[in-house]
Amino acid sequence: MILGNIHFLHGNPADYYENQYQVVPKVGDMYLFPNYLLHTVYPFTDTEEERRSVSFNAIIDEPTASI
């Protein structure tokens, strides 16, 4: 675990694929992911900087999704 990381989990562990992915966020990054993707965020304590999180629901229509 690295402080401030975002940890994504999908499915069950298996020998043939990785089901976990960790991201070390950088200033200016934005991450969008589906609501079913299990995730956790580790404490962000080593700095005076701030973290901003926004949660929202969006519907993407078929023409937009196929671009």
PDB file of N, CA and C in Angstrom:
ATOM      1  N   MET A   1       0.842  -1.190   0.000  1.00  0.00           N
ATOM      2  CA  MET A   1       0.000   0.000   0.000  1.00  0.00           C
ATOM      3  C   MET A   1       0.880   1.243   0.000  1.00  0.00           C
ATOM      4  N   ILE A   2       0.563   2.156  -0.888  1.00  0.00           N
ATOM      5  CA  ILE A   2       1.221   3.450  -0.933  1.00  0.00           C
ATOM      6  C   ILE A   2       0.180   4.493  -0.566  1.00  0.00           C
ATOM      7  N   LEU A   3       0.526   5.384   0.336  1.00  0.00           N
ATOM      8  CA  LEU A   3      -0.435   6.389   0.769  1.00  0.00           C
ATOM      9  C   LEU A   3      -0.938   7.213  -0.411  1.00  0.00           C
ATOM     10  N   GLY A   4      -2.244   7.390  -0.467  1.00  0.00           N
ATOM     11  CA  GLY A   4      -2.861   8.190  -1.508  1.00  0.00           C
ATOM     12  C   GLY A   4      -3.247   7.434  -2.754  1.00  0.00           C
ATOM     13  N   ASN A   5      -2.853   6.173  -2.880  1.00  0.00           N
ATOM     14  CA  ASN A   5      -3.195   5.379  -4.064  1.00  0.00           C
ATOM     15  C   ASN A   5      -4.682   5.116  -4.169  1.00  0.00           C
ATOM     16  N   ILE A   6      -5.123   4.861  -5.398  1.00  0.00           N
ATOM     17  CA  ILE A   6      -6.459   4.352  -5.659  1.00  0.00           C
ATOM     18  C   ILE A   6      -6.280   2.903  -6.081  1.00  0.00           C
ATOM     19  N   HIS A   7      -7.011   2.021  -5.450  1.00  0.00           N
ATOM     20  CA  HIS A   7      -6.875   0.586  -5.678  1.00  0.00           C
ATOM     21  C   HIS A   7      -8.179   0.082  -6.300  1.00  0.00           C
ATOM     22  N   PHE A   8      -8.099  -0.457  -7.519  1.00  0.00           N
ATOM     23  CA  PHE A   8      -9.267  -0.990  -8.227  1.00  0.00           C
ATOM     24  C   PHE A   8      -9.220  -2.509  -8.198  1.00  0.00           C
ATOM     25  N   LEU A   9     -10.384  -3.144  -8.017  1.00  0.00           N
ATOM     26  CA  LEU A   9     -10.488  -4.607  -8.028  1.00  0.00           C
ATOM     27  C   LEU A   9     -11.635  -5.004  -8.942  1.00  0.00           C
ATOM     28  N   HIS A  10     -11.423  -6.054  -9.737  1.00  0.00           N
ATOM     29  CA  HIS A  10     -12.480  -6.514 -10.633  1.00  0.00           C
ATOM     30  C   HIS A  10     -12.471  -8.033 -10.694  1.00  0.00           C
ATOM     31  N   GLY A  11     -13.603  -8.632 -10.461  1.00  0.00           N
ATOM     32  CA  GLY A  11     -13.718 -10.088 -10.560  1.00  0.00           C
ATOM     33  C   GLY A  11     -12.983 -10.805  -9.443  1.00  0.00           C
ATOM     34  N   ASN A  12     -12.721 -12.085  -9.685  1.00  0.00           N
ATOM     35  CA  ASN A  12     -12.009 -12.923  -8.725  1.00  0.00           C
ATOM     36  C   ASN A  12     -10.583 -13.163  -9.196  1.00  0.00           C
ATOM     37  N   PRO A  13      -9.657 -13.324  -8.260  1.00  0.00           N
ATOM     38  CA  PRO A  13      -8.280 -13.616  -8.666  1.00  0.00           C
ATOM     39  C   PRO A  13      -8.231 -14.922  -9.464  1.00  0.00           C
ATOM     40  N   ALA A  14      -7.379 -14.959 -10.451  1.00  0.00           N
ATOM     41  CA  ALA A  14      -7.192 -16.164 -11.256  1.00  0.00           C
ATOM     42  C   ALA A  14      -5.734 -16.222 -11.714  1.00  0.00           C
ATOM     43  N   ASP A  15      -5.323 -17.401 -12.121  1.00  0.00           N
ATOM     44  CA  ASP A  15      -3.934 -17.581 -12.551  1.00  0.00           C
ATOM     45  C   ASP A  15      -3.637 -16.883 -13.875  1.00  0.00           C
ATOM     46  N   TYR A  16      -4.633 -16.653 -14.692  1.00  0.00           N
ATOM     47  CA  TYR A  16      -4.391 -16.166 -16.044  1.00  0.00           C
ATOM     48  C   TYR A  16      -4.654 -14.675 -16.252  1.00  0.00           C
ATOM     49  N   TYR A  17      -5.083 -13.967 -15.237  1.00  0.00           N
ATOM     50  CA  TYR A  17      -5.228 -12.524 -15.384  1.00  0.00           C
ATOM     51  C   TYR A  17      -5.103 -11.825 -14.032  1.00  0.00           C
ATOM     52  N   GLU A  18      -4.778 -10.570 -14.099  1.00  0.00           N
ATOM     53  CA  GLU A  18      -4.635  -9.738 -12.897  1.00  0.00           C
ATOM     54  C   GLU A  18      -5.972  -9.061 -12.631  1.00  0.00           C
ATOM     55  N   ASN A  19      -6.465  -9.142 -11.406  1.00  0.00           N
ATOM     56  CA  ASN A  19      -7.760  -8.535 -11.101  1.00  0.00           C
ATOM     57  C   ASN A  19      -7.627  -7.279 -10.247  1.00  0.00           C
ATOM     58  N   GLN A  20      -6.401  -6.823 -10.026  1.00  0.00           N
ATOM     59  CA  GLN A  20      -6.194  -5.623  -9.226  1.00  0.00           C
ATOM     60  C   GLN A  20      -5.300  -4.649  -9.980  1.00  0.00           C
ATOM     61  N   TYR A  21      -5.550  -3.365  -9.760  1.00  0.00           N
ATOM     62  CA  TYR A  21      -4.761  -2.327 -10.399  1.00  0.00           C
ATOM     63  C   TYR A  21      -4.682  -1.150  -9.441  1.00  0.00           C
ATOM     64  N   GLN A  22      -3.465  -0.637  -9.220  1.00  0.00           N
ATOM     65  CA  GLN A  22      -3.296   0.524  -8.340  1.00  0.00           C
ATOM     66  C   GLN A  22      -2.801   1.707  -9.148  1.00  0.00           C
ATOM     67  N   VAL A  23      -3.329   2.864  -8.815  1.00  0.00           N
ATOM     68  CA  VAL A  23      -2.971   4.107  -9.492  1.00  0.00           C
ATOM     69  C   VAL A  23      -2.367   5.048  -8.461  1.00  0.00           C
ATOM     70  N   VAL A  24      -1.279   5.709  -8.839  1.00  0.00           N
ATOM     71  CA  VAL A  24      -0.708   6.774  -8.007  1.00  0.00           C
ATOM     72  C   VAL A  24      -1.143   8.086  -8.662  1.00  0.00           C
ATOM     73  N   PRO A  25      -2.176   8.742  -8.116  1.00  0.00           N
ATOM     74  CA  PRO A  25      -2.691   9.964  -8.750  1.00  0.00           C
ATOM     75  C   PRO A  25      -1.654  11.080  -8.770  1.00  0.00           C
ATOM     76  N   LYS A  26      -1.702  11.855  -9.840  1.00  0.00           N
ATOM     77  CA  LYS A  26      -0.836  13.024  -9.970  1.00  0.00           C
ATOM     78  C   LYS A  26      -1.727  14.257 -10.136  1.00  0.00           C
ATOM     79  N   VAL A  27      -1.202  15.403  -9.848  1.00  0.00           N
ATOM     80  CA  VAL A  27      -1.955  16.650  -9.982  1.00  0.00           C
ATOM     81  C   VAL A  27      -2.489  16.764 -11.406  1.00  0.00           C
ATOM     82  N   GLY A  28      -3.777  17.040 -11.522  1.00  0.00           N
ATOM     83  CA  GLY A  28      -4.417  17.207 -12.821  1.00  0.00           C
ATOM     84  C   GLY A  28      -5.041  15.944 -13.374  1.00  0.00           C
ATOM     85  N   ASP A  29      -4.781  14.785 -12.768  1.00  0.00           N
ATOM     86  CA  ASP A  29      -5.380  13.532 -13.232  1.00  0.00           C
ATOM     87  C   ASP A  29      -6.858  13.483 -12.885  1.00  0.00           C
ATOM     88  N   MET A  30      -7.631  12.796 -13.728  1.00  0.00           N
ATOM     89  CA  MET A  30      -9.032  12.541 -13.443  1.00  0.00           C
ATOM     90  C   MET A  30      -9.320  11.103 -13.856  1.00  0.00           C
ATOM     91  N   TYR A  31      -9.989  10.361 -12.999  1.00  0.00           N
ATOM     92  CA  TYR A  31     -10.280   8.957 -13.261  1.00  0.00           C
ATOM     93  C   TYR A  31     -11.787   8.755 -13.311  1.00  0.00           C
ATOM     94  N   LEU A  32     -12.256   8.189 -14.395  1.00  0.00           N
ATOM     95  CA  LEU A  32     -13.664   7.842 -14.557  1.00  0.00           C
ATOM     96  C   LEU A  32     -13.738   6.322 -14.656  1.00  0.00           C
ATOM     97  N   PHE A  33     -14.665   5.738 -13.915  1.00  0.00           N
ATOM     98  CA  PHE A  33     -14.802   4.281 -13.955  1.00  0.00           C
ATOM     99  C   PHE A  33     -16.242   3.920 -13.650  1.00  0.00           C
ATOM    100  N   PRO A  34     -16.668   2.719 -14.087  1.00  0.00           N
ATOM    101  CA  PRO A  34     -18.065   2.321 -13.910  1.00  0.00           C
ATOM    102  C   PRO A  34     -18.422   2.066 -12.452  1.00  0.00           C
ATOM    103  N   ASN A  35     -19.697   2.202 -12.129  1.00  0.00           N
ATOM    104  CA  ASN A  35     -20.146   2.082 -10.738  1.00  0.00           C
ATOM    105  C   ASN A  35     -19.944   0.686 -10.160  1.00  0.00           C
ATOM    106  N   TYR A  36     -19.862  -0.337 -10.993  1.00  0.00           N
ATOM    107  CA  TYR A  36     -19.697  -1.695 -10.481  1.00  0.00           C
ATOM    108  C   TYR A  36     -18.244  -2.050 -10.138  1.00  0.00           C
ATOM    109  N   LEU A  37     -17.301  -1.179 -10.481  1.00  0.00           N
ATOM    110  CA  LEU A  37     -15.890  -1.465 -10.218  1.00  0.00           C
ATOM    111  C   LEU A  37     -15.568  -1.191  -8.749  1.00  0.00           C
ATOM    112  N   LEU A  38     -15.222  -2.230  -8.032  1.00  0.00           N
ATOM    113  CA  LEU A  38     -14.874  -2.099  -6.625  1.00  0.00           C
ATOM    114  C   LEU A  38     -13.577  -1.303  -6.507  1.00  0.00           C
ATOM    115  N   HIS A  39     -13.557  -0.351  -5.602  1.00  0.00           N
ATOM    116  CA  HIS A  39     -12.366   0.477  -5.437  1.00  0.00           C
ATOM    117  C   HIS A  39     -12.241   0.943  -3.995  1.00  0.00           C
ATOM    118  N   THR A  40     -11.039   1.312  -3.652  1.00  0.00           N
ATOM    119  CA  THR A  40     -10.776   1.916  -2.347  1.00  0.00           C
ATOM    120  C   THR A  40      -9.689   2.962  -2.527  1.00  0.00           C
ATOM    121  N   VAL A  41      -9.660   3.933  -1.649  1.00  0.00           N
ATOM    122  CA  VAL A  41      -8.656   4.987  -1.696  1.00  0.00           C
ATOM    123  C   VAL A  41      -7.934   4.996  -0.361  1.00  0.00           C
ATOM    124  N   TYR A  42      -6.624   4.937  -0.428  1.00  0.00           N
ATOM    125  CA  TYR A  42      -5.832   4.923   0.796  1.00  0.00           C
ATOM    126  C   TYR A  42      -5.646   6.344   1.333  1.00  0.00           C
ATOM    127  N   PRO A  43      -5.384   6.465   2.625  1.00  0.00           N
ATOM    128  CA  PRO A  43      -5.242   7.792   3.243  1.00  0.00           C
ATOM    129  C   PRO A  43      -4.219   8.663   2.518  1.00  0.00           C
ATOM    130  N   PHE A  44      -4.482   9.926   2.521  1.00  0.00           N
ATOM    131  CA  PHE A  44      -3.680  10.935   1.841  1.00  0.00           C
ATOM    132  C   PHE A  44      -3.157  11.861   2.926  1.00  0.00           C
ATOM    133  N   THR A  45      -2.079  11.450   3.616  1.00  0.00           N
ATOM    134  CA  THR A  45      -1.674  12.152   4.832  1.00  0.00           C
ATOM    135  C   THR A  45      -0.276  12.760   4.802  1.00  0.00           C
ATOM    136  N   ASP A  46       0.515  12.501   3.770  1.00  0.00           N
ATOM    137  CA  ASP A  46       1.913  12.946   3.768  1.00  0.00           C
ATOM    138  C   ASP A  46       2.120  14.365   3.253  1.00  0.00           C
ATOM    139  N   THR A  47       1.051  15.091   3.029  1.00  0.00           N
ATOM    140  CA  THR A  47       1.182  16.405   2.411  1.00  0.00           C
ATOM    141  C   THR A  47       0.072  17.342   2.893  1.00  0.00           C
ATOM    142  N   GLU A  48       0.271  18.608   2.652  1.00  0.00           N
ATOM    143  CA  GLU A  48      -0.750  19.601   2.957  1.00  0.00           C
ATOM    144  C   GLU A  48      -1.718  19.786   1.789  1.00  0.00           C
ATOM    145  N   GLU A  49      -1.469  19.103   0.674  1.00  0.00           N
ATOM    146  CA  GLU A  49      -2.334  19.184  -0.497  1.00  0.00           C
ATOM    147  C   GLU A  49      -3.709  18.612  -0.168  1.00  0.00           C
ATOM    148  N   GLU A  50      -4.668  18.824  -1.049  1.00  0.00           N
ATOM    149  CA  GLU A  50      -6.003  18.286  -0.832  1.00  0.00           C
ATOM    150  C   GLU A  50      -6.400  17.374  -1.989  1.00  0.00           C
ATOM    151  N   ARG A  51      -7.297  16.476  -1.699  1.00  0.00           N
ATOM    152  CA  ARG A  51      -7.848  15.566  -2.705  1.00  0.00           C
ATOM    153  C   ARG A  51      -9.299  15.948  -2.909  1.00  0.00           C
ATOM    154  N   ARG A  52      -9.729  15.937  -4.157  1.00  0.00           N
ATOM    155  CA  ARG A  52     -11.131  16.240  -4.445  1.00  0.00           C
ATOM    156  C   ARG A  52     -11.756  15.034  -5.128  1.00  0.00           C
ATOM    157  N   SER A  53     -12.932  14.675  -4.661  1.00  0.00           N
ATOM    158  CA  SER A  53     -13.677  13.559  -5.242  1.00  0.00           C
ATOM    159  C   SER A  53     -15.056  14.039  -5.629  1.00  0.00           C
ATOM    160  N   VAL A  54     -15.506  13.606  -6.793  1.00  0.00           N
ATOM    161  CA  VAL A  54     -16.838  13.925  -7.268  1.00  0.00           C
ATOM    162  C   VAL A  54     -17.480  12.620  -7.723  1.00  0.00           C
ATOM    163  N   SER A  55     -18.668  12.364  -7.248  1.00  0.00           N
ATOM    164  CA  SER A  55     -19.404  11.167  -7.641  1.00  0.00           C
ATOM    165  C   SER A  55     -20.644  11.592  -8.407  1.00  0.00           C
ATOM    166  N   PHE A  56     -20.904  10.924  -9.522  1.00  0.00           N
ATOM    167  CA  PHE A  56     -22.099  11.257 -10.300  1.00  0.00           C
ATOM    168  C   PHE A  56     -22.526  10.053 -11.125  1.00  0.00           C
ATOM    169  N   ASN A  57     -23.750  10.075 -11.567  1.00  0.00           N
ATOM    170  CA  ASN A  57     -24.287   9.049 -12.464  1.00  0.00           C
ATOM    171  C   ASN A  57     -24.403   9.654 -13.854  1.00  0.00           C
ATOM    172  N   ALA A  58     -24.046   8.878 -14.858  1.00  0.00           N
ATOM    173  CA  ALA A  58     -24.145   9.328 -16.233  1.00  0.00           C
ATOM    174  C   ALA A  58     -24.688   8.194 -17.094  1.00  0.00           C
ATOM    175  N   ILE A  59     -25.475   8.557 -18.077  1.00  0.00           N
ATOM    176  CA  ILE A  59     -25.972   7.597 -19.051  1.00  0.00           C
ATOM    177  C   ILE A  59     -25.371   7.986 -20.398  1.00  0.00           C
ATOM    178  N   ILE A  60     -24.675   7.038 -21.002  1.00  0.00           N
ATOM    179  CA  ILE A  60     -24.064   7.293 -22.306  1.00  0.00           C
ATOM    180  C   ILE A  60     -24.893   6.558 -23.348  1.00  0.00           C
ATOM    181  N   ASP A  61     -25.436   7.327 -24.293  1.00  0.00           N
ATOM    182  CA  ASP A  61     -26.281   6.710 -25.310  1.00  0.00           C
ATOM    183  C   ASP A  61     -25.444   5.906 -26.314  1.00  0.00           C
ATOM    184  N   GLU A  62     -26.085   5.054 -27.066  1.00  0.00           N
ATOM    185  CA  GLU A  62     -25.389   4.148 -27.997  1.00  0.00           C
ATOM    186  C   GLU A  62     -24.536   4.887 -29.027  1.00  0.00           C
ATOM    187  N   PRO A  63     -25.029   5.952 -29.677  1.00  0.00           N
ATOM    188  CA  PRO A  63     -24.192   6.644 -30.651  1.00  0.00           C
ATOM    189  C   PRO A  63     -22.914   7.212 -30.033  1.00  0.00           C
ATOM    190  N   THR A  64     -23.009   7.746 -28.821  1.00  0.00           N
ATOM    191  CA  THR A  64     -21.834   8.288 -28.159  1.00  0.00           C
ATOM    192  C   THR A  64     -20.870   7.187 -27.753  1.00  0.00           C
ATOM    193  N   ALA A  65     -21.389   6.081 -27.240  1.00  0.00           N
ATOM    194  CA  ALA A  65     -20.555   4.977 -26.786  1.00  0.00           C
ATOM    195  C   ALA A  65     -19.789   4.322 -27.916  1.00  0.00           C
ATOM    196  N   SER A  66     -20.306   4.384 -29.135  1.00  0.00           N
ATOM    197  CA  SER A  66     -19.654   3.711 -30.267  1.00  0.00           C
ATOM    198  C   SER A  66     -18.656   4.586 -31.008  1.00  0.00           C
ATOM    199  N   ILE A  67     -18.369   5.772 -30.484  1.00  0.00           N
ATOM    200  CA  ILE A  67     -17.402   6.669 -31.150  1.00  0.00           C
ATOM    201  C   ILE A  67     -16.021   6.065 -31.053  1.00  0.00           C
TER     202      ILE A  67
END
